[in-house]
Amino acid sequence: MIFRGALKVESAVKNARATLALRDKGLFLSQFLWQFTGGQVIVNRPVSLRQASVSTPEPDVMSKALKKANFSFVGSIIMYAHMQASGLVKDICAAVQRCVDAAQATGLFRWL
């Protein structure tokens, strides 16, 4: 019986090997991933947080391509979260954007 932790380690090793295989083909992982956004940050503007999507067509295609390239643990929702975390996708709720704009206008929160 294999424990879940062991599966995660195996997946990490498998993904590292797949990354090296991409490099051997002359591609860096970042180049491979950015191709799914056309090299541009995708900005989504849901009206409310409830309307925010957990996936879009881009991570669906990315997930399939990564699986084909022998990566594992790269489902569509996981890839969308990765795209958000790494800056490939920016989801800015309209209500949140109004708050950010107001805070910047006051000069109180220059870091926003």
PDB file of N, CA and C in Angstrom:
ATOM      1  N   MET A   1       0.845  -1.191   0.000  1.00  0.00           N
ATOM      2  CA  MET A   1       0.000   0.000   0.000  1.00  0.00           C
ATOM      3  C   MET A   1       0.884   1.245   0.000  1.00  0.00           C
ATOM      4  N   ILE A   2       0.592   2.169  -0.896  1.00  0.00           N
ATOM      5  CA  ILE A   2       1.350   3.420  -0.983  1.00  0.00           C
ATOM      6  C   ILE A   2       0.554   4.516  -0.293  1.00  0.00           C
ATOM      7  N   PHE A   3       1.222   5.243   0.565  1.00  0.00           N
ATOM      8  CA  PHE A   3       0.569   6.332   1.283  1.00  0.00           C
ATOM      9  C   PHE A   3       0.472   7.562   0.390  1.00  0.00           C
ATOM     10  N   ARG A   4      -0.469   8.431   0.701  1.00  0.00           N
ATOM     11  CA  ARG A   4      -0.676   9.643  -0.091  1.00  0.00           C
ATOM     12  C   ARG A   4       0.580  10.495  -0.173  1.00  0.00           C
ATOM     13  N   GLY A   5       1.308  10.588   0.929  1.00  0.00           N
ATOM     14  CA  GLY A   5       2.542  11.375   0.939  1.00  0.00           C
ATOM     15  C   GLY A   5       3.546  10.844  -0.056  1.00  0.00           C
ATOM     16  N   ALA A   6       3.618   9.523  -0.165  1.00  0.00           N
ATOM     17  CA  ALA A   6       4.541   8.907  -1.118  1.00  0.00           C
ATOM     18  C   ALA A   6       4.116   9.232  -2.549  1.00  0.00           C
ATOM     19  N   LEU A   7       2.824   9.271  -2.795  1.00  0.00           N
ATOM     20  CA  LEU A   7       2.336   9.615  -4.131  1.00  0.00           C
ATOM     21  C   LEU A   7       2.705  11.046  -4.495  1.00  0.00           C
ATOM     22  N   LYS A   8       2.652  11.952  -3.525  1.00  0.00           N
ATOM     23  CA  LYS A   8       3.022  13.343  -3.781  1.00  0.00           C
ATOM     24  C   LYS A   8       4.507  13.453  -4.111  1.00  0.00           C
ATOM     25  N   VAL A   9       5.330  12.692  -3.401  1.00  0.00           N
ATOM     26  CA  VAL A   9       6.765  12.700  -3.670  1.00  0.00           C
ATOM     27  C   VAL A   9       7.032  12.120  -5.055  1.00  0.00           C
ATOM     28  N   GLU A  10       6.376  11.024  -5.388  1.00  0.00           N
ATOM     29  CA  GLU A  10       6.527  10.428  -6.722  1.00  0.00           C
ATOM     30  C   GLU A  10       6.099  11.412  -7.805  1.00  0.00           C
ATOM     31  N   SER A  11       5.030  12.137  -7.550  1.00  0.00           N
ATOM     32  CA  SER A  11       4.546  13.122  -8.509  1.00  0.00           C
ATOM     33  C   SER A  11       5.566  14.245  -8.686  1.00  0.00           C
ATOM     34  N   ALA A  12       6.162  14.699  -7.597  1.00  0.00           N
ATOM     35  CA  ALA A  12       7.173  15.760  -7.668  1.00  0.00           C
ATOM     36  C   ALA A  12       8.383  15.292  -8.474  1.00  0.00           C
ATOM     37  N   VAL A  13       8.806  14.052  -8.253  1.00  0.00           N
ATOM     38  CA  VAL A  13       9.943  13.499  -8.997  1.00  0.00           C
ATOM     39  C   VAL A  13       9.583  13.378 -10.484  1.00  0.00           C
ATOM     40  N   LYS A  14       8.385  12.883 -10.758  1.00  0.00           N
ATOM     41  CA  LYS A  14       7.921  12.739 -12.143  1.00  0.00           C
ATOM     42  C   LYS A  14       7.871  14.099 -12.839  1.00  0.00           C
ATOM     43  N   ASN A  15       7.375  15.117 -12.146  1.00  0.00           N
ATOM     44  CA  ASN A  15       7.286  16.457 -12.722  1.00  0.00           C
ATOM     45  C   ASN A  15       8.672  17.062 -12.947  1.00  0.00           C
ATOM     46  N   ALA A  16       9.601  16.782 -12.041  1.00  0.00           N
ATOM     47  CA  ALA A  16      10.974  17.262 -12.228  1.00  0.00           C
ATOM     48  C   ALA A  16      11.585  16.627 -13.472  1.00  0.00           C
ATOM     49  N   ARG A  17      11.347  15.343 -13.665  1.00  0.00           N
ATOM     50  CA  ARG A  17      11.856  14.669 -14.862  1.00  0.00           C
ATOM     51  C   ARG A  17      11.206  15.228 -16.132  1.00  0.00           C
ATOM     52  N   ALA A  18       9.918  15.497 -16.060  1.00  0.00           N
ATOM     53  CA  ALA A  18       9.218  16.064 -17.216  1.00  0.00           C
ATOM     54  C   ALA A  18       9.747  17.462 -17.527  1.00  0.00           C
ATOM     55  N   THR A  19      10.067  18.237 -16.500  1.00  0.00           N
ATOM     56  CA  THR A  19      10.639  19.567 -16.695  1.00  0.00           C
ATOM     57  C   THR A  19      11.995  19.472 -17.383  1.00  0.00           C
ATOM     58  N   LEU A  20      12.817  18.509 -16.947  1.00  0.00           N
ATOM     59  CA  LEU A  20      14.124  18.306 -17.579  1.00  0.00           C
ATOM     60  C   LEU A  20      13.971  17.848 -19.024  1.00  0.00           C
ATOM     61  N   ALA A  21      12.949  17.035 -19.287  1.00  0.00           N
ATOM     62  CA  ALA A  21      12.706  16.590 -20.663  1.00  0.00           C
ATOM     63  C   ALA A  21      12.330  17.774 -21.551  1.00  0.00           C
ATOM     64  N   LEU A  22      11.542  18.707 -21.010  1.00  0.00           N
ATOM     65  CA  LEU A  22      11.218  19.932 -21.764  1.00  0.00           C
ATOM     66  C   LEU A  22      12.484  20.726 -22.050  1.00  0.00           C
ATOM     67  N   ARG A  23      13.332  20.836 -21.034  1.00  0.00           N
ATOM     68  CA  ARG A  23      14.573  21.595 -21.204  1.00  0.00           C
ATOM     69  C   ARG A  23      15.457  20.958 -22.276  1.00  0.00           C
ATOM     70  N   ASP A  24      15.477  19.626 -22.285  1.00  0.00           N
ATOM     71  CA  ASP A  24      16.265  18.923 -23.307  1.00  0.00           C
ATOM     72  C   ASP A  24      15.741  19.205 -24.712  1.00  0.00           C
ATOM     73  N   LYS A  25      14.462  19.545 -24.825  1.00  0.00           N
ATOM     74  CA  LYS A  25      13.870  19.912 -26.112  1.00  0.00           C
ATOM     75  C   LYS A  25      14.043  21.402 -26.415  1.00  0.00           C
ATOM     76  N   GLY A  26      14.728  22.113 -25.512  1.00  0.00           N
ATOM     77  CA  GLY A  26      14.980  23.537 -25.721  1.00  0.00           C
ATOM     78  C   GLY A  26      13.922  24.464 -25.162  1.00  0.00           C
ATOM     79  N   LEU A  27      13.043  23.951 -24.303  1.00  0.00           N
ATOM     80  CA  LEU A  27      11.983  24.772 -23.707  1.00  0.00           C
ATOM     81  C   LEU A  27      12.153  24.865 -22.200  1.00  0.00           C
ATOM     82  N   PHE A  28      12.012  26.055 -21.687  1.00  0.00           N
ATOM     83  CA  PHE A  28      11.921  26.215 -20.238  1.00  0.00           C
ATOM     84  C   PHE A  28      10.458  26.049 -19.848  1.00  0.00           C
ATOM     85  N   LEU A  29      10.216  25.594 -18.634  1.00  0.00           N
ATOM     86  CA  LEU A  29       8.848  25.389 -18.178  1.00  0.00           C
ATOM     87  C   LEU A  29       8.052  26.688 -18.256  1.00  0.00           C
ATOM     88  N   SER A  30       8.683  27.802 -17.919  1.00  0.00           N
ATOM     89  CA  SER A  30       7.962  29.083 -17.974  1.00  0.00           C
ATOM     90  C   SER A  30       7.518  29.403 -19.397  1.00  0.00           C
ATOM     91  N   GLN A  31       8.368  29.143 -20.386  1.00  0.00           N
ATOM     92  CA  GLN A  31       7.983  29.372 -21.783  1.00  0.00           C
ATOM     93  C   GLN A  31       6.803  28.475 -22.162  1.00  0.00           C
ATOM     94  N   PHE A  32       6.883  27.233 -21.717  1.00  0.00           N
ATOM     95  CA  PHE A  32       5.833  26.273 -22.015  1.00  0.00           C
ATOM     96  C   PHE A  32       4.496  26.746 -21.454  1.00  0.00           C
ATOM     97  N   LEU A  33       4.509  27.253 -20.220  1.00  0.00           N
ATOM     98  CA  LEU A  33       3.267  27.684 -19.573  1.00  0.00           C
ATOM     99  C   LEU A  33       2.730  28.988 -20.148  1.00  0.00           C
ATOM    100  N   TRP A  34       3.608  29.938 -20.463  1.00  0.00           N
ATOM    101  CA  TRP A  34       3.154  31.221 -20.989  1.00  0.00           C
ATOM    102  C   TRP A  34       2.523  31.096 -22.370  1.00  0.00           C
ATOM    103  N   GLN A  35       2.834  30.024 -23.095  1.00  0.00           N
ATOM    104  CA  GLN A  35       2.254  29.888 -24.430  1.00  0.00           C
ATOM    105  C   GLN A  35       0.726  29.779 -24.380  1.00  0.00           C
ATOM    106  N   PHE A  36       0.201  29.352 -23.253  1.00  0.00           N
ATOM    107  CA  PHE A  36      -1.247  29.166 -23.139  1.00  0.00           C
ATOM    108  C   PHE A  36      -1.993  30.478 -22.906  1.00  0.00           C
ATOM    109  N   THR A  37      -1.256  31.535 -22.635  1.00  0.00           N
ATOM    110  CA  THR A  37      -1.872  32.860 -22.485  1.00  0.00           C
ATOM    111  C   THR A  37      -1.445  33.792 -23.606  1.00  0.00           C
ATOM    112  N   GLY A  38      -0.722  33.256 -24.563  1.00  0.00           N
ATOM    113  CA  GLY A  38      -0.217  34.093 -25.651  1.00  0.00           C
ATOM    114  C   GLY A  38       0.853  35.062 -25.181  1.00  0.00           C
ATOM    115  N   GLY A  39       1.498  34.740 -24.070  1.00  0.00           N
ATOM    116  CA  GLY A  39       2.547  35.602 -23.536  1.00  0.00           C
ATOM    117  C   GLY A  39       2.032  36.821 -22.798  1.00  0.00           C
ATOM    118  N   GLN A  40       0.737  36.902 -22.603  1.00  0.00           N
ATOM    119  CA  GLN A  40       0.122  38.061 -21.941  1.00  0.00           C
ATOM    120  C   GLN A  40      -0.608  37.618 -20.672  1.00  0.00           C
ATOM    121  N   VAL A  41      -0.650  38.497 -19.696  1.00  0.00           N
ATOM    122  CA  VAL A  41      -1.435  38.233 -18.495  1.00  0.00           C
ATOM    123  C   VAL A  41      -2.916  38.314 -18.872  1.00  0.00           C
ATOM    124  N   ILE A  42      -3.675  37.321 -18.481  1.00  0.00           N
ATOM    125  CA  ILE A  42      -5.117  37.315 -18.721  1.00  0.00           C
ATOM    126  C   ILE A  42      -5.779  38.019 -17.544  1.00  0.00           C
ATOM    127  N   VAL A  43      -6.548  39.059 -17.836  1.00  0.00           N
ATOM    128  CA  VAL A  43      -7.239  39.798 -16.777  1.00  0.00           C
ATOM    129  C   VAL A  43      -8.734  39.505 -16.890  1.00  0.00           C
ATOM    130  N   ASN A  44      -9.261  38.884 -15.855  1.00  0.00           N
ATOM    131  CA  ASN A  44     -10.693  38.609 -15.761  1.00  0.00           C
ATOM    132  C   ASN A  44     -11.300  39.571 -14.757  1.00  0.00           C
ATOM    133  N   ARG A  45     -12.469  40.090 -15.073  1.00  0.00           N
ATOM    134  CA  ARG A  45     -13.130  41.050 -14.184  1.00  0.00           C
ATOM    135  C   ARG A  45     -14.544  40.585 -13.850  1.00  0.00           C
ATOM    136  N   PRO A  46     -14.651  39.605 -12.942  1.00  0.00           N
ATOM    137  CA  PRO A  46     -15.996  39.201 -12.537  1.00  0.00           C
ATOM    138  C   PRO A  46     -16.673  40.333 -11.772  1.00  0.00           C
ATOM    139  N   VAL A  47     -17.988  40.401 -11.885  1.00  0.00           N
ATOM    140  CA  VAL A  47     -18.741  41.462 -11.206  1.00  0.00           C
ATOM    141  C   VAL A  47     -18.664  41.275  -9.698  1.00  0.00           C
ATOM    142  N   SER A  48     -18.734  40.035  -9.263  1.00  0.00           N
ATOM    143  CA  SER A  48     -18.632  39.741  -7.831  1.00  0.00           C
ATOM    144  C   SER A  48     -17.779  38.501  -7.644  1.00  0.00           C
ATOM    145  N   LEU A  49     -17.358  38.282  -6.417  1.00  0.00           N
ATOM    146  CA  LEU A  49     -16.542  37.102  -6.136  1.00  0.00           C
ATOM    147  C   LEU A  49     -17.314  35.814  -6.405  1.00  0.00           C
ATOM    148  N   ARG A  50     -18.625  35.856  -6.243  1.00  0.00           N
ATOM    149  CA  ARG A  50     -19.446  34.665  -6.514  1.00  0.00           C
ATOM    150  C   ARG A  50     -19.437  34.290  -7.997  1.00  0.00           C
ATOM    151  N   GLN A  51     -19.206  35.271  -8.855  1.00  0.00           N
ATOM    152  CA  GLN A  51     -19.184  34.999 -10.285  1.00  0.00           C
ATOM    153  C   GLN A  51     -17.789  34.629 -10.795  1.00  0.00           C
ATOM    154  N   ALA A  52     -16.801  34.670  -9.915  1.00  0.00           N
ATOM    155  CA  ALA A  52     -15.442  34.315 -10.321  1.00  0.00           C
ATOM    156  C   ALA A  52     -15.387  32.835 -10.686  1.00  0.00           C
ATOM    157  N   SER A  53     -14.657  32.544 -11.724  1.00  0.00           N
ATOM    158  CA  SER A  53     -14.556  31.175 -12.224  1.00  0.00           C
ATOM    159  C   SER A  53     -13.429  30.429 -11.517  1.00  0.00           C
ATOM    160  N   VAL A  54     -13.560  29.114 -11.446  1.00  0.00           N
ATOM    161  CA  VAL A  54     -12.473  28.289 -10.912  1.00  0.00           C
ATOM    162  C   VAL A  54     -11.648  27.717 -12.046  1.00  0.00           C
ATOM    163  N   SER A  55     -12.063  27.957 -13.262  1.00  0.00           N
ATOM    164  CA  SER A  55     -11.316  27.494 -14.419  1.00  0.00           C
ATOM    165  C   SER A  55     -11.809  28.214 -15.669  1.00  0.00           C
ATOM    166  N   THR A  56     -10.965  28.211 -16.681  1.00  0.00           N
ATOM    167  CA  THR A  56     -11.284  28.780 -17.982  1.00  0.00           C
ATOM    168  C   THR A  56     -10.720  27.832 -19.038  1.00  0.00           C
ATOM    169  N   PRO A  57     -10.932  28.091 -20.301  1.00  0.00           N
ATOM    170  CA  PRO A  57     -10.402  27.179 -21.322  1.00  0.00           C
ATOM    171  C   PRO A  57      -8.870  27.047 -21.307  1.00  0.00           C
ATOM    172  N   GLU A  58      -8.154  28.113 -20.959  1.00  0.00           N
ATOM    173  CA  GLU A  58      -6.689  28.079 -20.981  1.00  0.00           C
ATOM    174  C   GLU A  58      -6.103  27.011 -20.061  1.00  0.00           C
ATOM    175  N   PRO A  59      -6.510  26.952 -18.784  1.00  0.00           N
ATOM    176  CA  PRO A  59      -5.938  25.890 -17.943  1.00  0.00           C
ATOM    177  C   PRO A  59      -6.393  24.493 -18.355  1.00  0.00           C
ATOM    178  N   ASP A  60      -7.549  24.389 -19.005  1.00  0.00           N
ATOM    179  CA  ASP A  60      -7.982  23.088 -19.517  1.00  0.00           C
ATOM    180  C   ASP A  60      -6.990  22.581 -20.562  1.00  0.00           C
ATOM    181  N   VAL A  61      -6.646  23.464 -21.494  1.00  0.00           N
ATOM    182  CA  VAL A  61      -5.695  23.106 -22.546  1.00  0.00           C
ATOM    183  C   VAL A  61      -4.302  22.881 -21.945  1.00  0.00           C
ATOM    184  N   MET A  62      -3.916  23.748 -21.005  1.00  0.00           N
ATOM    185  CA  MET A  62      -2.622  23.617 -20.343  1.00  0.00           C
ATOM    186  C   MET A  62      -2.513  22.273 -19.628  1.00  0.00           C
ATOM    187  N   SER A  63      -3.548  21.896 -18.914  1.00  0.00           N
ATOM    188  CA  SER A  63      -3.566  20.639 -18.185  1.00  0.00           C
ATOM    189  C   SER A  63      -3.362  19.452 -19.126  1.00  0.00           C
ATOM    190  N   LYS A  64      -4.078  19.453 -20.239  1.00  0.00           N
ATOM    191  CA  LYS A  64      -3.950  18.358 -21.214  1.00  0.00           C
ATOM    192  C   LYS A  64      -2.543  18.301 -21.796  1.00  0.00           C
ATOM    193  N   ALA A  65      -1.969  19.467 -22.086  1.00  0.00           N
ATOM    194  CA  ALA A  65      -0.622  19.501 -22.658  1.00  0.00           C
ATOM    195  C   ALA A  65       0.415  19.027 -21.642  1.00  0.00           C
ATOM    196  N   LEU A  66       0.239  19.416 -20.384  1.00  0.00           N
ATOM    197  CA  LEU A  66       1.174  18.972 -19.344  1.00  0.00           C
ATOM    198  C   LEU A  66       1.076  17.466 -19.126  1.00  0.00           C
ATOM    199  N   LYS A  67      -0.134  16.944 -19.148  1.00  0.00           N
ATOM    200  CA  LYS A  67      -0.299  15.493 -19.008  1.00  0.00           C
ATOM    201  C   LYS A  67       0.361  14.768 -20.176  1.00  0.00           C
ATOM    202  N   LYS A  68       0.208  15.326 -21.368  1.00  0.00           N
ATOM    203  CA  LYS A  68       0.835  14.739 -22.557  1.00  0.00           C
ATOM    204  C   LYS A  68       2.362  14.791 -22.454  1.00  0.00           C
ATOM    205  N   ALA A  69       2.874  15.825 -21.771  1.00  0.00           N
ATOM    206  CA  ALA A  69       4.316  15.974 -21.566  1.00  0.00           C
ATOM    207  C   ALA A  69       4.795  15.186 -20.350  1.00  0.00           C
ATOM    208  N   ASN A  70       3.933  14.320 -19.803  1.00  0.00           N
ATOM    209  CA  ASN A  70       4.262  13.395 -18.712  1.00  0.00           C
ATOM    210  C   ASN A  70       4.294  14.042 -17.323  1.00  0.00           C
ATOM    211  N   PHE A  71       3.604  15.159 -17.144  1.00  0.00           N
ATOM    212  CA  PHE A  71       3.468  15.751 -15.812  1.00  0.00           C
ATOM    213  C   PHE A  71       2.284  15.085 -15.115  1.00  0.00           C
ATOM    214  N   SER A  72       2.282  15.149 -13.801  1.00  0.00           N
ATOM    215  CA  SER A  72       1.150  14.620 -13.044  1.00  0.00           C
ATOM    216  C   SER A  72       0.699  15.648 -12.012  1.00  0.00           C
ATOM    217  N   PHE A  73      -0.503  15.441 -11.468  1.00  0.00           N
ATOM    218  CA  PHE A  73      -1.103  16.349 -10.490  1.00  0.00           C
ATOM    219  C   PHE A  73      -1.272  17.732 -11.104  1.00  0.00           C
ATOM    220  N   VAL A  74      -1.749  17.758 -12.351  1.00  0.00           N
ATOM    221  CA  VAL A  74      -1.886  19.010 -13.092  1.00  0.00           C
ATOM    222  C   VAL A  74      -3.296  19.151 -13.674  1.00  0.00           C
ATOM    223  N   GLY A  75      -4.287  18.902 -12.837  1.00  0.00           N
ATOM    224  CA  GLY A  75      -5.674  19.053 -13.280  1.00  0.00           C
ATOM    225  C   GLY A  75      -5.995  20.499 -13.602  1.00  0.00           C
ATOM    226  N   SER A  76      -7.100  20.700 -14.272  1.00  0.00           N
ATOM    227  CA  SER A  76      -7.487  22.021 -14.752  1.00  0.00           C
ATOM    228  C   SER A  76      -7.629  23.048 -13.619  1.00  0.00           C
ATOM    229  N   ILE A  77      -8.288  22.660 -12.535  1.00  0.00           N
ATOM    230  CA  ILE A  77      -8.480  23.607 -11.418  1.00  0.00           C
ATOM    231  C   ILE A  77      -7.147  23.929 -10.737  1.00  0.00           C
ATOM    232  N   ILE A  78      -6.310  22.925 -10.589  1.00  0.00           N
ATOM    233  CA  ILE A  78      -4.981  23.145 -10.002  1.00  0.00           C
ATOM    234  C   ILE A  78      -4.172  24.081 -10.889  1.00  0.00           C
ATOM    235  N   MET A  79      -4.266  23.893 -12.195  1.00  0.00           N
ATOM    236  CA  MET A  79      -3.510  24.746 -13.108  1.00  0.00           C
ATOM    237  C   MET A  79      -4.052  26.172 -13.103  1.00  0.00           C
ATOM    238  N   TYR A  80      -5.358  26.343 -12.932  1.00  0.00           N
ATOM    239  CA  TYR A  80      -5.909  27.696 -12.850  1.00  0.00           C
ATOM    240  C   TYR A  80      -5.386  28.390 -11.586  1.00  0.00           C
ATOM    241  N   ALA A  81      -5.357  27.665 -10.488  1.00  0.00           N
ATOM    242  CA  ALA A  81      -4.810  28.235  -9.251  1.00  0.00           C
ATOM    243  C   ALA A  81      -3.332  28.589  -9.435  1.00  0.00           C
ATOM    244  N   HIS A  82      -2.602  27.726 -10.134  1.00  0.00           N
ATOM    245  CA  HIS A  82      -1.189  28.012 -10.411  1.00  0.00           C
ATOM    246  C   HIS A  82      -1.058  29.267 -11.276  1.00  0.00           C
ATOM    247  N   MET A  83      -1.923  29.383 -12.277  1.00  0.00           N
ATOM    248  CA  MET A  83      -1.880  30.564 -13.149  1.00  0.00           C
ATOM    249  C   MET A  83      -2.157  31.838 -12.358  1.00  0.00           C
ATOM    250  N   GLN A  84      -3.079  31.771 -11.405  1.00  0.00           N
ATOM    251  CA  GLN A  84      -3.362  32.933 -10.560  1.00  0.00           C
ATOM    252  C   GLN A  84      -2.163  33.248  -9.669  1.00  0.00           C
ATOM    253  N   ALA A  85      -1.615  32.213  -9.041  1.00  0.00           N
ATOM    254  CA  ALA A  85      -0.511  32.411  -8.101  1.00  0.00           C
ATOM    255  C   ALA A  85       0.757  32.911  -8.786  1.00  0.00           C
ATOM    256  N   SER A  86       0.969  32.498 -10.028  1.00  0.00           N
ATOM    257  CA  SER A  86       2.201  32.887 -10.706  1.00  0.00           C
ATOM    258  C   SER A  86       2.034  34.124 -11.593  1.00  0.00           C
ATOM    259  N   GLY A  87       0.839  34.692 -11.628  1.00  0.00           N
ATOM    260  CA  GLY A  87       0.629  35.943 -12.335  1.00  0.00           C
ATOM    261  C   GLY A  87       0.258  35.807 -13.801  1.00  0.00           C
ATOM    262  N   LEU A  88      -0.046  34.600 -14.261  1.00  0.00           N
ATOM    263  CA  LEU A  88      -0.491  34.424 -15.640  1.00  0.00           C
ATOM    264  C   LEU A  88      -1.937  34.874 -15.797  1.00  0.00           C
ATOM    265  N   VAL A  89      -2.699  34.783 -14.720  1.00  0.00           N
ATOM    266  CA  VAL A  89      -4.101  35.202 -14.699  1.00  0.00           C
ATOM    267  C   VAL A  89      -4.294  36.150 -13.526  1.00  0.00           C
ATOM    268  N   LYS A  90      -5.020  37.212 -13.781  1.00  0.00           N
ATOM    269  CA  LYS A  90      -5.335  38.178 -12.725  1.00  0.00           C
ATOM    270  C   LYS A  90      -6.846  38.311 -12.681  1.00  0.00           C
ATOM    271  N   ASP A  91      -7.446  37.851 -11.602  1.00  0.00           N
ATOM    272  CA  ASP A  91      -8.885  37.977 -11.419  1.00  0.00           C
ATOM    273  C   ASP A  91      -9.144  39.165 -10.498  1.00  0.00           C
ATOM    274  N   ILE A  92      -9.740  40.206 -11.057  1.00  0.00           N
ATOM    275  CA  ILE A  92      -9.986  41.415 -10.279  1.00  0.00           C
ATOM    276  C   ILE A  92     -11.489  41.671 -10.237  1.00  0.00           C
ATOM    277  N   CYS A  93     -12.075  41.406  -9.093  1.00  0.00           N
ATOM    278  CA  CYS A  93     -13.496  41.658  -8.897  1.00  0.00           C
ATOM    279  C   CYS A  93     -13.739  43.167  -8.977  1.00  0.00           C
ATOM    280  N   ALA A  94     -14.788  43.565  -9.661  1.00  0.00           N
ATOM    281  CA  ALA A  94     -15.096  44.984  -9.844  1.00  0.00           C
ATOM    282  C   ALA A  94     -15.235  45.702  -8.507  1.00  0.00           C
ATOM    283  N   ALA A  95     -15.892  45.070  -7.536  1.00  0.00           N
ATOM    284  CA  ALA A  95     -16.072  45.697  -6.219  1.00  0.00           C
ATOM    285  C   ALA A  95     -14.728  45.866  -5.519  1.00  0.00           C
ATOM    286  N   VAL A  96     -13.873  44.873  -5.615  1.00  0.00           N
ATOM    287  CA  VAL A  96     -12.544  44.956  -4.995  1.00  0.00           C
ATOM    288  C   VAL A  96     -11.725  46.042  -5.684  1.00  0.00           C
ATOM    289  N   GLN A  97     -11.814  46.126  -7.007  1.00  0.00           N
ATOM    290  CA  GLN A  97     -11.072  47.144  -7.742  1.00  0.00           C
ATOM    291  C   GLN A  97     -11.494  48.547  -7.321  1.00  0.00           C
ATOM    292  N   ARG A  98     -12.789  48.762  -7.076  1.00  0.00           N
ATOM    293  CA  ARG A  98     -13.249  50.080  -6.611  1.00  0.00           C
ATOM    294  C   ARG A  98     -12.621  50.417  -5.258  1.00  0.00           C
ATOM    295  N   CYS A  99     -12.511  49.430  -4.380  1.00  0.00           N
ATOM    296  CA  CYS A  99     -11.887  49.654  -3.068  1.00  0.00           C
ATOM    297  C   CYS A  99     -10.406  49.987  -3.216  1.00  0.00           C
ATOM    298  N   VAL A 100      -9.726  49.268  -4.096  1.00  0.00           N
ATOM    299  CA  VAL A 100      -8.309  49.533  -4.339  1.00  0.00           C
ATOM    300  C   VAL A 100      -8.132  50.938  -4.910  1.00  0.00           C
ATOM    301  N   ASP A 101      -8.947  51.290  -5.877  1.00  0.00           N
ATOM    302  CA  ASP A 101      -8.856  52.620  -6.480  1.00  0.00           C
ATOM    303  C   ASP A 101      -9.089  53.718  -5.441  1.00  0.00           C
ATOM    304  N   ALA A 102     -10.076  53.514  -4.579  1.00  0.00           N
ATOM    305  CA  ALA A 102     -10.368  54.502  -3.533  1.00  0.00           C
ATOM    306  C   ALA A 102      -9.203  54.612  -2.555  1.00  0.00           C
ATOM    307  N   ALA A 103      -8.633  53.505  -2.181  1.00  0.00           N
ATOM    308  CA  ALA A 103      -7.510  53.511  -1.244  1.00  0.00           C
ATOM    309  C   ALA A 103      -6.301  54.203  -1.860  1.00  0.00           C
ATOM    310  N   GLN A 104      -6.048  53.950  -3.133  1.00  0.00           N
ATOM    311  CA  GLN A 104      -4.922  54.609  -3.796  1.00  0.00           C
ATOM    312  C   GLN A 104      -5.167  56.109  -3.942  1.00  0.00           C
ATOM    313  N   ALA A 105      -6.401  56.483  -4.204  1.00  0.00           N
ATOM    314  CA  ALA A 105      -6.735  57.899  -4.376  1.00  0.00           C
ATOM    315  C   ALA A 105      -6.493  58.693  -3.091  1.00  0.00           C
ATOM    316  N   THR A 106      -6.700  58.059  -1.947  1.00  0.00           N
ATOM    317  CA  THR A 106      -6.486  58.751  -0.677  1.00  0.00           C
ATOM    318  C   THR A 106      -5.012  58.868  -0.336  1.00  0.00           C
ATOM    319  N   GLY A 107      -4.184  58.028  -0.988  1.00  0.00           N
ATOM    320  CA  GLY A 107      -2.747  58.051  -0.686  1.00  0.00           C
ATOM    321  C   GLY A 107      -2.396  57.309   0.573  1.00  0.00           C
ATOM    322  N   LEU A 108      -3.391  56.711   1.226  1.00  0.00           N
ATOM    323  CA  LEU A 108      -3.124  55.997   2.475  1.00  0.00           C
ATOM    324  C   LEU A 108      -2.432  54.664   2.236  1.00  0.00           C
ATOM    325  N   PHE A 109      -2.759  54.015   1.127  1.00  0.00           N
ATOM    326  CA  PHE A 109      -2.225  52.690   0.858  1.00  0.00           C
ATOM    327  C   PHE A 109      -1.474  52.711  -0.470  1.00  0.00           C
ATOM    328  N   ARG A 110      -0.254  53.151  -0.436  1.00  0.00           N
ATOM    329  CA  ARG A 110       0.543  53.256  -1.646  1.00  0.00           C
ATOM    330  C   ARG A 110       0.966  51.893  -2.204  1.00  0.00           C
ATOM    331  N   TRP A 111       0.943  50.882  -1.387  1.00  0.00           N
ATOM    332  CA  TRP A 111       1.389  49.551  -1.809  1.00  0.00           C
ATOM    333  C   TRP A 111       0.363  48.822  -2.650  1.00  0.00           C
ATOM    334  N   LEU A 112      -0.885  49.286  -2.705  1.00  0.00           N
ATOM    335  CA  LEU A 112      -1.919  48.591  -3.464  1.00  0.00           C
ATOM    336  C   LEU A 112      -1.728  48.801  -4.955  1.00  0.00           C
TER     337      LEU A 112
END
